[in-house]
């Protein structure tokens, strides 16, 4: 590669590829365009945003429950960034298949990986592999209309256990317990609505290992539970334990104080005789339960465990520091399905070092490191693939700022791209037959999904549907590239 002129000088713009168009990738691109070096005229940048999916927005489109209109509002901010026209979007382009790291190095001076985390973290207990045991992230992908997962989901359980006390666990529990008709106002795909409509579920149990003061969900997620019609929330007095650390957290953290206050108010208002509750579905919140084993119904071959019949927990107690320890007391819950929602986990990237224990790309403040711990020139990371799946979406902005700051500090020493002209990457994709989508294509798909919602609203009695998601990848690509309303 040529190194005659420092990247980003007056000779040409600094060419940057961002892989991943969720909040992390879009924030990084936006921060680059608004940096002081750019605003002062010292630097110009040319940014291309790549995504393996035909549509942008990543986690916001495929990782947030459809009945979260306020969280979905983040889409409006991301839309404004991409709609300005100074950042190009290439959808349906898979890094590692359609483009290699060498391809990106040839066409760009720097690469930022913002690929997130989409897999479920493992839960290593006996029976977790039984039929009827699922990953919460997989379920989220299904109900959000992810193009690469099956369109069917086995919703045949009356009693369900959800393991985890974070936002994803509450999303999963709420979607399982909520009546499907109440989701019609959201962008729920039709196949998901039909499956949830036929679900026989009556009871959904959510289990956390520690106490009410240590939950990882947010007040918004907790309040959403109470908005479900014909669903009773049930809590248990024996699960309400607070230690010295709990008291400290309640006094020092307004979010913890709010959530504990909400939970204690709910249990105080709950009738002593639970038979007085009349909703057709119940959502149970359990604390101080550590999962030990998922057991089957012995319907498999030669009497082997067949499908999920129940789950065993060890009761825990707080140890004074906010952590929990086992008590030696075990309890069983008969359920026919188990969902683990204990966190996401990142996926390795071809030709990039990966920490398989943490599920992240090794990095120093966003500078990607090789196996020896040395920064790989021109390669960066941001978002969950950088720091792991922790924090809220808003935290991603500060994370992106750190990465971009280091990238700009390094710009004089970046390896220059051999083919930096913007049109060369387009020629490469077209020569390889990659059916990439564009921002204009997304606008066409977006309009098509909204039109499907309008048609459904007109046919329904008083139900206003904002949009209906197109799920199959082929249909998304066809609509995006040709404006054709493909079969969905």
Protein backbone atom coordinates (compact mmCIF):
# COMPACT_ATOMS: atom_id res chain seq x y z
CA UNK A 1 0.00 0.00 0.00
CA UNK A 2 1.14 3.51 -0.76
CA UNK A 3 2.43 5.53 2.17
CA UNK A 4 3.44 8.70 0.35
CA UNK A 5 0.82 10.98 1.88
CA UNK A 6 -0.55 10.84 5.45
CA UNK A 7 -4.14 9.67 5.51
CA UNK A 8 -6.70 12.44 5.72
CA UNK A 9 -4.58 15.25 4.31
CA UNK A 10 -5.78 17.60 1.61
CA UNK A 11 -4.84 14.96 -0.99
CA UNK A 12 -7.95 12.92 -0.24
CA UNK A 13 -10.41 12.13 2.54
CA UNK A 14 -9.65 9.64 5.29
CA UNK A 15 -11.50 6.51 4.14
CA UNK A 16 -13.15 4.56 6.98
CA UNK A 17 -15.24 1.38 6.94
CA UNK A 18 -17.59 0.66 9.81
CA UNK A 19 -18.78 -2.95 10.03
CA UNK A 20 -22.15 -3.03 11.78
CA UNK A 21 -24.99 -0.51 11.49
CA UNK A 22 -26.52 -0.77 14.94
CA UNK A 23 -26.26 2.10 17.43
CA UNK A 24 -22.54 1.45 18.01
CA UNK A 25 -21.65 1.67 14.34
CA UNK A 26 -23.88 4.65 13.54
CA UNK A 27 -22.70 6.58 16.60
CA UNK A 28 -19.06 5.98 15.64
CA UNK A 29 -19.68 7.19 12.09
CA UNK A 30 -21.57 10.25 13.33
CA UNK A 31 -18.89 11.18 15.86
CA UNK A 32 -16.25 10.93 13.15
CA UNK A 33 -18.13 13.36 10.91
CA UNK A 34 -18.53 15.83 13.79
CA UNK A 35 -14.99 15.65 15.16
CA UNK A 36 -13.07 18.89 15.74
CA UNK A 37 -10.58 17.95 13.04
CA UNK A 38 -13.40 17.70 10.50
CA UNK A 39 -15.24 20.81 11.67
CA UNK A 40 -12.04 22.87 11.51
CA UNK A 41 -11.31 21.75 7.96
CA UNK A 42 -8.09 20.04 9.00
CA UNK A 43 -9.52 16.67 7.95
CA UNK A 44 -12.16 15.28 5.63
CA UNK A 45 -13.64 11.82 6.05
CA UNK A 46 -15.42 9.38 3.76
CA UNK A 47 -17.34 6.69 5.66
CA UNK A 48 -19.01 3.50 4.45
CA UNK A 49 -21.23 1.53 6.81
CA UNK A 50 -21.60 -2.21 6.16
CA UNK A 51 -24.14 -4.62 7.62
CA UNK A 52 -24.81 -8.30 7.06
CA UNK A 53 -28.56 -7.60 7.16
CA UNK A 54 -30.42 -5.85 4.35
CA UNK A 55 -31.82 -3.27 6.79
CA UNK A 56 -29.93 -0.99 9.19
CA UNK A 57 -30.19 -0.44 12.97
CA UNK A 58 -28.96 -3.81 14.27
CA UNK A 59 -30.03 -4.34 17.88
CA UNK A 60 -32.82 -1.78 17.60
CA UNK A 61 -34.52 -3.72 14.80
CA UNK A 62 -33.63 -7.25 15.88
CA UNK A 63 -32.96 -7.14 19.63
CA UNK A 64 -35.61 -4.94 21.25
CA UNK A 65 -39.15 -6.15 21.93
CA UNK A 66 -41.65 -4.67 19.43
CA UNK A 67 -43.83 -3.17 22.18
CA UNK A 68 -41.10 -0.71 23.26
CA UNK A 69 -42.04 2.47 21.37
CA UNK A 70 -39.83 4.75 23.46
CA UNK A 71 -36.73 2.62 22.97
CA UNK A 72 -37.62 2.23 19.30
CA UNK A 73 -37.55 6.03 19.18
CA UNK A 74 -33.77 5.75 18.99
CA UNK A 75 -34.37 4.75 15.38
CA UNK A 76 -35.40 8.34 14.68
CA UNK A 77 -31.98 9.61 15.79
CA UNK A 78 -30.13 6.92 13.80
CA UNK A 79 -32.30 7.69 10.78
CA UNK A 80 -31.35 11.37 10.88
CA UNK A 81 -27.65 10.48 10.86
CA UNK A 82 -27.89 8.13 7.89
CA UNK A 83 -30.36 10.31 6.01
CA UNK A 84 -27.91 13.24 5.82
CA UNK A 85 -26.18 11.64 2.88
CA UNK A 86 -22.59 11.89 4.11
CA UNK A 87 -22.41 8.25 5.26
CA UNK A 88 -23.01 5.45 2.76
CA UNK A 89 -24.91 2.32 3.81
CA UNK A 90 -24.21 -1.10 2.29
CA UNK A 91 -26.62 -3.74 3.58
CA UNK A 92 -26.69 -7.48 2.90
CA UNK A 93 -22.88 -7.54 2.86
CA UNK A 94 -21.34 -10.18 5.10
CA UNK A 95 -17.86 -9.55 6.46
CA UNK A 96 -15.84 -12.73 6.11
CA UNK A 97 -17.88 -13.97 3.14
CA UNK A 98 -18.52 -11.07 0.79
CA UNK A 99 -15.60 -8.98 2.01
CA UNK A 100 -12.35 -10.04 3.69
CA UNK A 101 -10.14 -8.04 5.99
CA UNK A 102 -7.69 -7.62 3.12
CA UNK A 103 -10.50 -6.22 0.97
CA UNK A 104 -11.27 -3.64 3.64
CA UNK A 105 -7.61 -2.76 4.09
CA UNK A 106 -7.26 -2.29 0.34
CA UNK A 107 -10.16 0.15 0.14
CA UNK A 108 -10.03 1.89 3.54
CA UNK A 109 -7.44 3.53 5.75
CA UNK A 110 -9.15 2.30 8.94
CA UNK A 111 -11.81 -0.24 9.88
CA UNK A 112 -14.10 -0.07 12.91
CA UNK A 113 -15.83 -3.31 13.92
CA UNK A 114 -19.21 -2.70 15.58
CA UNK A 115 -20.72 -6.16 15.14
CA UNK A 116 -22.28 -6.42 18.59
CA UNK A 117 -23.30 -9.65 20.31
CA UNK A 118 -26.21 -11.80 19.20
CA UNK A 119 -25.64 -15.25 20.74
CA UNK A 120 -26.86 -16.46 24.13
CA UNK A 121 -24.37 -16.82 26.94
CA UNK A 122 -24.06 -20.45 28.03
CA UNK A 123 -25.68 -21.82 31.17
CA UNK A 124 -23.80 -24.97 32.12
CA UNK A 125 -26.27 -27.01 34.14
CA UNK A 126 -27.54 -30.55 33.49
CA UNK A 127 -30.50 -30.77 31.12
CA UNK A 128 -30.06 -27.36 29.54
CA UNK A 129 -29.89 -29.08 26.14
CA UNK A 130 -33.29 -30.82 26.47
CA UNK A 131 -36.08 -30.25 23.98
CA UNK A 132 -38.05 -27.29 25.25
CA UNK A 133 -34.97 -25.45 26.55
CA UNK A 134 -34.20 -22.30 24.58
CA UNK A 135 -31.92 -19.31 24.45
CA UNK A 136 -33.60 -16.00 25.15
CA UNK A 137 -31.60 -14.28 22.40
CA UNK A 138 -32.85 -16.85 19.88
CA UNK A 139 -36.44 -16.16 20.97
CA UNK A 140 -35.87 -12.41 20.64
CA UNK A 141 -34.52 -12.91 17.11
CA UNK A 142 -37.63 -14.91 16.23
CA UNK A 143 -40.21 -12.44 17.55
CA UNK A 144 -38.30 -9.52 16.04
CA UNK A 145 -38.42 -11.09 12.57
CA UNK A 146 -34.70 -11.78 12.16
CA UNK A 147 -34.15 -12.91 8.55
CA UNK A 148 -31.74 -15.74 9.42
CA UNK A 149 -33.80 -17.71 11.96
CA UNK A 150 -36.70 -20.13 11.37
CA UNK A 151 -40.10 -18.49 11.10
CA UNK A 152 -41.73 -21.05 13.40
CA UNK A 153 -41.33 -21.27 17.18
CA UNK A 154 -42.72 -24.08 19.41
CA UNK A 155 -45.10 -22.25 21.74
CA UNK A 156 -46.77 -25.30 23.30
CA UNK A 157 -45.98 -24.90 27.02
CA UNK A 158 -48.52 -23.82 29.64
CA UNK A 159 -45.89 -23.18 32.32
CA UNK A 160 -42.59 -21.52 31.43
CA UNK A 161 -39.42 -20.63 33.34
CA UNK A 162 -37.25 -17.65 32.35
CA UNK A 163 -33.79 -17.60 33.95
CA UNK A 164 -32.28 -14.15 34.35
CA UNK A 165 -32.96 -10.78 35.92
CA UNK A 166 -31.96 -8.39 33.15
CA UNK A 167 -33.93 -6.46 30.55
CA UNK A 168 -33.87 -9.32 28.05
CA UNK A 169 -35.34 -11.70 30.62
CA UNK A 170 -38.23 -9.31 31.26
CA UNK A 171 -38.73 -8.79 27.53
CA UNK A 172 -38.92 -12.54 26.99
CA UNK A 173 -41.30 -13.01 29.92
CA UNK A 174 -43.53 -10.15 28.83
CA UNK A 175 -43.73 -11.38 25.23
CA UNK A 176 -44.59 -14.90 26.42
CA UNK A 177 -47.28 -13.75 28.83
CA UNK A 178 -48.80 -10.82 26.92
CA UNK A 179 -51.88 -11.43 24.80
CA UNK A 180 -51.06 -11.32 21.11
CA UNK A 181 -53.87 -8.91 20.23
CA UNK A 182 -52.25 -6.29 22.46
CA UNK A 183 -49.13 -6.47 20.28
CA UNK A 184 -50.91 -5.60 17.04
CA UNK A 185 -50.18 -1.90 17.51
CA UNK A 186 -46.47 -2.71 17.31
CA UNK A 187 -44.39 -3.81 14.30
CA UNK A 188 -44.77 -7.49 15.16
CA UNK A 189 -44.41 -9.77 12.11
CA UNK A 190 -47.57 -11.62 11.11
CA UNK A 191 -46.08 -15.09 11.66
CA UNK A 192 -45.11 -14.09 15.22
CA UNK A 193 -48.57 -12.70 15.96
CA UNK A 194 -50.25 -15.90 14.77
CA UNK A 195 -47.97 -18.12 16.87
CA UNK A 196 -48.39 -16.02 20.03
CA UNK A 197 -52.15 -15.91 19.44
CA UNK A 198 -52.28 -19.72 19.63
CA UNK A 199 -49.99 -20.03 22.68
CA UNK A 200 -51.56 -22.02 25.56
CA UNK A 201 -49.36 -20.34 28.21
CA UNK A 202 -50.90 -19.62 31.60
CA UNK A 203 -47.89 -19.05 33.88
CA UNK A 204 -44.48 -17.50 33.22
CA UNK A 205 -41.91 -17.63 36.06
CA UNK A 206 -38.87 -15.30 36.07
CA UNK A 207 -35.98 -16.34 38.34
CA UNK A 208 -33.07 -14.28 39.64
CA UNK A 209 -30.13 -15.55 41.69
CA UNK A 210 -29.91 -12.52 44.00
CA UNK A 211 -32.41 -10.25 45.70
CA UNK A 212 -34.71 -7.43 44.53
CA UNK A 213 -32.02 -4.77 45.08
CA UNK A 214 -29.59 -6.56 42.75
CA UNK A 215 -31.78 -6.91 39.66
CA UNK A 216 -30.23 -5.80 36.37
CA UNK A 217 -33.36 -4.61 34.60
CA UNK A 218 -34.42 -0.97 34.50
CA UNK A 219 -37.47 0.87 35.89
CA UNK A 220 -38.81 1.22 32.35
CA UNK A 221 -38.71 -2.54 31.80
CA UNK A 222 -40.33 -3.18 35.17
CA UNK A 223 -43.15 -0.72 34.54
CA UNK A 224 -43.82 -2.32 31.16
CA UNK A 225 -44.85 -5.53 32.96
CA UNK A 226 -47.78 -3.79 34.62
CA UNK A 227 -49.11 -2.56 31.27
CA UNK A 228 -50.02 -6.06 30.07
CA UNK A 229 -53.78 -6.57 30.07
CA UNK A 230 -55.27 -9.66 31.71
CA UNK A 231 -51.90 -10.63 33.22
CA UNK A 232 -51.46 -10.75 37.01
CA UNK A 233 -47.99 -10.13 38.48
CA UNK A 234 -47.25 -12.37 41.47
CA UNK A 235 -44.41 -11.94 43.97
CA UNK A 236 -43.39 -13.94 47.04
CA UNK A 237 -42.59 -12.50 50.47
CA UNK A 238 -39.86 -15.06 51.17
CA UNK A 239 -37.91 -13.68 48.19
CA UNK A 240 -37.63 -10.19 49.66
CA UNK A 241 -34.31 -10.16 51.49
CA UNK A 242 -32.03 -7.14 51.90
CA UNK A 243 -28.49 -7.08 53.31
CA UNK A 244 -26.17 -4.19 54.17
CA UNK A 245 -25.08 -3.82 50.57
CA UNK A 246 -28.70 -3.81 49.44
CA UNK A 247 -29.47 -0.97 51.83
CA UNK A 248 -26.47 0.96 50.56
CA UNK A 249 -27.56 0.48 46.94
CA UNK A 250 -31.10 1.58 47.72
CA UNK A 251 -29.90 4.74 49.44
CA UNK A 252 -27.24 5.66 46.90
CA UNK A 253 -28.85 4.68 43.59
CA UNK A 254 -32.15 6.25 42.55
CA UNK A 255 -32.79 3.56 39.95
CA UNK A 256 -32.42 0.79 42.54
CA UNK A 257 -34.57 2.74 44.99
CA UNK A 258 -37.29 3.14 42.36
CA UNK A 259 -37.32 -0.55 41.40
CA UNK A 260 -37.31 -1.81 44.99
CA UNK A 261 -40.09 0.64 45.80
CA UNK A 262 -42.16 -0.58 42.87
CA UNK A 263 -41.69 -4.24 43.78
CA UNK A 264 -42.48 -3.74 47.47
CA UNK A 265 -45.58 -1.73 46.57
CA UNK A 266 -46.75 -4.50 44.27
CA UNK A 267 -46.36 -7.20 46.91
CA UNK A 268 -48.04 -5.01 49.52
CA UNK A 269 -51.05 -4.54 47.22
CA UNK A 270 -51.20 -8.23 46.32
CA UNK A 271 -54.11 -10.15 47.92
CA UNK A 272 -53.10 -12.67 50.57
CA UNK A 273 -55.23 -15.26 48.85
CA UNK A 274 -53.82 -15.55 45.34
CA UNK A 275 -57.05 -17.27 44.30
CA UNK A 276 -58.57 -13.78 44.26
CA UNK A 277 -56.47 -12.95 41.21
CA UNK A 278 -58.62 -13.37 38.11
CA UNK A 279 -56.38 -12.78 35.07
CA UNK A 280 -56.12 -15.61 32.57
CA UNK A 281 -52.30 -15.41 32.68
CA UNK A 282 -49.84 -14.93 35.52
CA UNK A 283 -46.28 -13.60 35.54
CA UNK A 284 -44.36 -14.71 38.65
CA UNK A 285 -41.22 -12.85 39.79
CA UNK A 286 -38.89 -14.97 41.92
CA UNK A 287 -35.65 -13.88 43.60
CA UNK A 288 -32.94 -15.81 45.49
CA UNK A 289 -33.11 -18.82 43.17
CA UNK A 290 -30.01 -20.36 41.54
CA UNK A 291 -30.69 -22.89 38.74
CA UNK A 292 -29.29 -26.36 39.36
CA UNK A 293 -30.85 -28.69 36.79
CA UNK A 294 -33.42 -28.86 34.02
CA UNK A 295 -35.05 -32.28 34.10
CA UNK A 296 -37.00 -34.16 31.46
CA UNK A 297 -40.09 -36.32 31.25
CA UNK A 298 -38.20 -39.54 30.39
CA UNK A 299 -39.99 -39.93 27.07
CA UNK A 300 -36.78 -40.24 25.08
CA UNK A 301 -35.27 -43.41 23.72
CA UNK A 302 -34.58 -46.10 26.33
CA UNK A 303 -36.17 -43.93 29.01
CA UNK A 304 -33.75 -41.04 28.45
CA UNK A 305 -34.92 -37.53 29.26
CA UNK A 306 -37.14 -36.43 26.41
CA UNK A 307 -38.36 -32.88 26.76
CA UNK A 308 -38.43 -30.38 29.60
CA UNK A 309 -40.68 -31.35 32.50
CA UNK A 310 -39.36 -29.05 35.21
CA UNK A 311 -36.46 -27.12 36.68
CA UNK A 312 -34.70 -27.41 40.04
CA UNK A 313 -33.27 -24.44 41.95
CA UNK A 314 -31.19 -24.00 45.06
CA UNK A 315 -32.53 -21.27 47.31
CA UNK A 316 -29.92 -18.62 47.97
CA UNK A 317 -29.33 -15.93 50.58
CA UNK A 318 -27.46 -12.64 50.46
CA UNK A 319 -24.03 -12.69 52.08
CA UNK A 320 -23.80 -9.07 53.24
CA UNK A 321 -21.96 -7.83 50.16
CA UNK A 322 -24.85 -7.99 47.69
CA UNK A 323 -23.76 -11.40 46.41
CA UNK A 324 -25.64 -14.64 46.99
CA UNK A 325 -24.65 -18.03 48.42
CA UNK A 326 -26.46 -21.35 48.43
CA UNK A 327 -28.53 -22.44 51.42
CA UNK A 328 -28.72 -26.17 50.66
CA UNK A 329 -32.49 -25.92 50.22
CA UNK A 330 -33.77 -27.10 46.83
CA UNK A 331 -37.11 -26.43 45.15
CA UNK A 332 -38.66 -27.80 41.97
CA UNK A 333 -40.99 -26.07 39.55
CA UNK A 334 -42.93 -28.08 36.97
CA UNK A 335 -42.58 -26.29 33.62
CA UNK A 336 -42.67 -27.43 30.02
CA UNK A 337 -40.23 -24.84 28.66
CA UNK A 338 -37.12 -23.04 29.92
CA UNK A 339 -35.64 -19.85 28.49
CA UNK A 340 -32.17 -18.78 29.58
CA UNK A 341 -31.69 -15.02 29.39
CA UNK A 342 -28.47 -14.54 31.34
CA UNK A 343 -26.75 -12.35 28.77
CA UNK A 344 -25.48 -12.11 25.23
CA UNK A 345 -22.14 -13.30 23.92
CA UNK A 346 -20.07 -12.00 21.01
CA UNK A 347 -19.09 -13.98 17.91
CA UNK A 348 -15.58 -14.25 16.52
CA UNK A 349 -14.64 -12.33 13.38
CA UNK A 350 -12.56 -13.85 10.57
CA UNK A 351 -8.92 -12.72 10.56
CA UNK A 352 -9.32 -10.81 13.85
CA UNK A 353 -8.06 -11.97 17.25
CA UNK A 354 -10.88 -13.05 19.59
CA UNK A 355 -11.19 -13.62 23.34
CA UNK A 356 -13.38 -16.72 23.53
CA UNK A 357 -13.71 -16.47 27.32
CA UNK A 358 -15.19 -12.97 27.22
CA UNK A 359 -16.78 -12.95 23.79
CA UNK A 360 -14.99 -9.78 22.68
CA UNK A 361 -12.27 -8.63 20.29
CA UNK A 362 -9.17 -7.91 22.43
CA UNK A 363 -8.57 -4.18 22.41
CA UNK A 364 -7.08 -1.25 24.27
CA UNK A 365 -9.69 1.48 24.39
CA UNK A 366 -10.97 0.38 20.99
CA UNK A 367 -7.58 -0.25 19.36
CA UNK A 368 -7.78 -3.91 18.30
CA UNK A 369 -4.88 -6.06 19.52
CA UNK A 370 -3.22 -9.09 17.99
CA UNK A 371 -2.28 -12.31 19.82
CA UNK A 372 0.82 -10.63 21.28
CA UNK A 373 -1.15 -7.68 22.63
CA UNK A 374 0.07 -5.25 19.99
CA UNK A 375 -2.29 -2.82 18.29
CA UNK A 376 -3.10 -3.84 14.73
CA UNK A 377 -2.65 -0.61 12.73
CA UNK A 378 -5.90 0.72 11.30
CA UNK A 379 -8.19 -1.78 13.06
CA UNK A 380 -10.62 -0.67 15.79
CA UNK A 381 -13.71 -1.88 17.67
CA UNK A 382 -16.65 -0.28 19.43
CA UNK A 383 -19.85 -1.38 21.16
CA UNK A 384 -20.49 -4.82 22.61
CA UNK A 385 -17.83 -6.55 20.50
CA UNK A 386 -15.38 -4.17 22.21
CA UNK A 387 -16.55 -4.19 25.84
CA UNK A 388 -19.01 -7.06 26.13
CA UNK A 389 -22.83 -6.93 26.33
CA UNK A 390 -23.12 -4.58 29.30
CA UNK A 391 -24.74 -1.20 29.73
CA UNK A 392 -27.68 0.45 28.01
CA UNK A 393 -27.88 1.65 24.43
CA UNK A 394 -27.06 5.20 25.49
CA UNK A 395 -23.71 4.08 26.91
CA UNK A 396 -22.64 3.20 23.38
CA UNK A 397 -22.08 6.88 22.52
CA UNK A 398 -19.30 7.33 25.07
CA UNK A 399 -17.81 4.05 23.98
CA UNK A 400 -17.77 5.14 20.34
CA UNK A 401 -16.23 8.49 21.29
CA UNK A 402 -13.30 6.72 22.97
CA UNK A 403 -12.65 4.56 19.91
CA UNK A 404 -12.93 7.45 17.46
CA UNK A 405 -10.62 9.60 19.59
CA UNK A 406 -7.89 6.97 19.37
CA UNK A 407 -8.44 6.48 15.65
CA UNK A 408 -8.00 10.20 15.02
CA UNK A 409 -4.89 10.28 17.21
CA UNK A 410 -3.45 7.50 15.04
CA UNK A 411 -4.40 8.96 11.67
CA UNK A 412 -0.94 10.14 10.66
CA UNK A 413 0.32 6.55 10.98
CA UNK A 414 -2.55 4.66 9.38
CA UNK A 415 -1.68 2.30 6.52
CA UNK A 416 -3.06 4.00 3.43
CA UNK A 417 -5.61 2.22 1.26
CA UNK A 418 -4.37 1.20 -2.18
CA UNK A 419 -7.79 1.77 -3.78
CA UNK A 420 -9.34 4.64 -1.81
CA UNK A 421 -11.77 5.97 -4.43
CA UNK A 422 -15.38 5.55 -3.19
CA UNK A 423 -16.51 3.86 -6.40
CA UNK A 424 -13.95 1.02 -6.18
CA UNK A 425 -15.75 -0.80 -3.35
CA UNK A 426 -18.98 -0.64 -5.36
CA UNK A 427 -17.20 -2.15 -8.36
CA UNK A 428 -15.78 -4.92 -6.16
CA UNK A 429 -19.19 -5.86 -4.73
CA UNK A 430 -20.84 -5.80 -8.14
CA UNK A 431 -18.10 -7.88 -9.72
CA UNK A 432 -18.61 -10.49 -6.99
CA UNK A 433 -22.36 -10.51 -7.54
CA UNK A 434 -23.15 -9.26 -4.03
CA UNK A 435 -26.77 -8.13 -3.88
CA UNK A 436 -26.05 -5.21 -1.60
CA UNK A 437 -28.74 -2.81 -0.43
CA UNK A 438 -28.44 0.95 -0.03
CA UNK A 439 -29.91 3.68 2.16
CA UNK A 440 -32.35 4.49 -0.62
CA UNK A 441 -33.25 0.80 -0.66
CA UNK A 442 -33.94 0.89 3.06
CA UNK A 443 -36.26 3.87 2.56
CA UNK A 444 -38.16 1.80 0.00
CA UNK A 445 -38.38 -1.18 2.35
CA UNK A 446 -39.38 1.07 5.24
CA UNK A 447 -42.17 2.59 3.14
CA UNK A 448 -43.29 -0.90 2.07
CA UNK A 449 -43.50 -2.16 5.67
CA UNK A 450 -45.48 0.93 6.66
CA UNK A 451 -47.85 0.40 3.75
CA UNK A 452 -48.44 -3.17 4.92
CA UNK A 453 -49.35 -1.72 8.33
CA UNK A 454 -51.74 0.77 6.75
CA UNK A 455 -53.47 -1.97 4.77
CA UNK A 456 -53.81 -4.15 7.86
CA UNK A 457 -55.17 -1.19 9.85
CA UNK A 458 -57.77 -0.50 7.19
CA UNK A 459 -58.90 -4.12 7.31
CA UNK A 460 -58.97 -4.28 11.11
CA UNK A 461 -61.57 -2.87 13.44
CA UNK A 462 -59.95 0.03 15.29
CA UNK A 463 -56.42 -1.44 15.39
CA UNK A 464 -53.73 0.88 14.04
CA UNK A 465 -50.62 -0.98 12.90
CA UNK A 466 -47.55 1.20 12.38
CA UNK A 467 -45.83 -1.36 10.17
CA UNK A 468 -45.58 -5.07 9.49
CA UNK A 469 -42.02 -6.30 9.17
CA UNK A 470 -40.89 -8.11 6.08
CA UNK A 471 -39.00 -11.12 7.40
CA UNK A 472 -37.44 -13.21 4.58
CA UNK A 473 -34.03 -11.93 3.51
CA UNK A 474 -34.80 -12.47 -0.19
CA UNK A 475 -37.93 -10.35 0.02
CA UNK A 476 -36.11 -7.58 1.91
CA UNK A 477 -33.37 -7.50 -0.71
CA UNK A 478 -35.78 -7.56 -3.63
CA UNK A 479 -37.88 -4.70 -2.27
CA UNK A 480 -34.78 -2.70 -1.36
CA UNK A 481 -33.12 -3.12 -4.77
CA UNK A 482 -36.12 -3.19 -7.12
CA UNK A 483 -39.01 -1.67 -5.17
CA UNK A 484 -40.93 -4.88 -5.81
CA UNK A 485 -43.39 -6.09 -3.21
CA UNK A 486 -42.01 -9.61 -3.00
CA UNK A 487 -43.93 -12.46 -1.39
CA UNK A 488 -43.58 -12.20 2.40
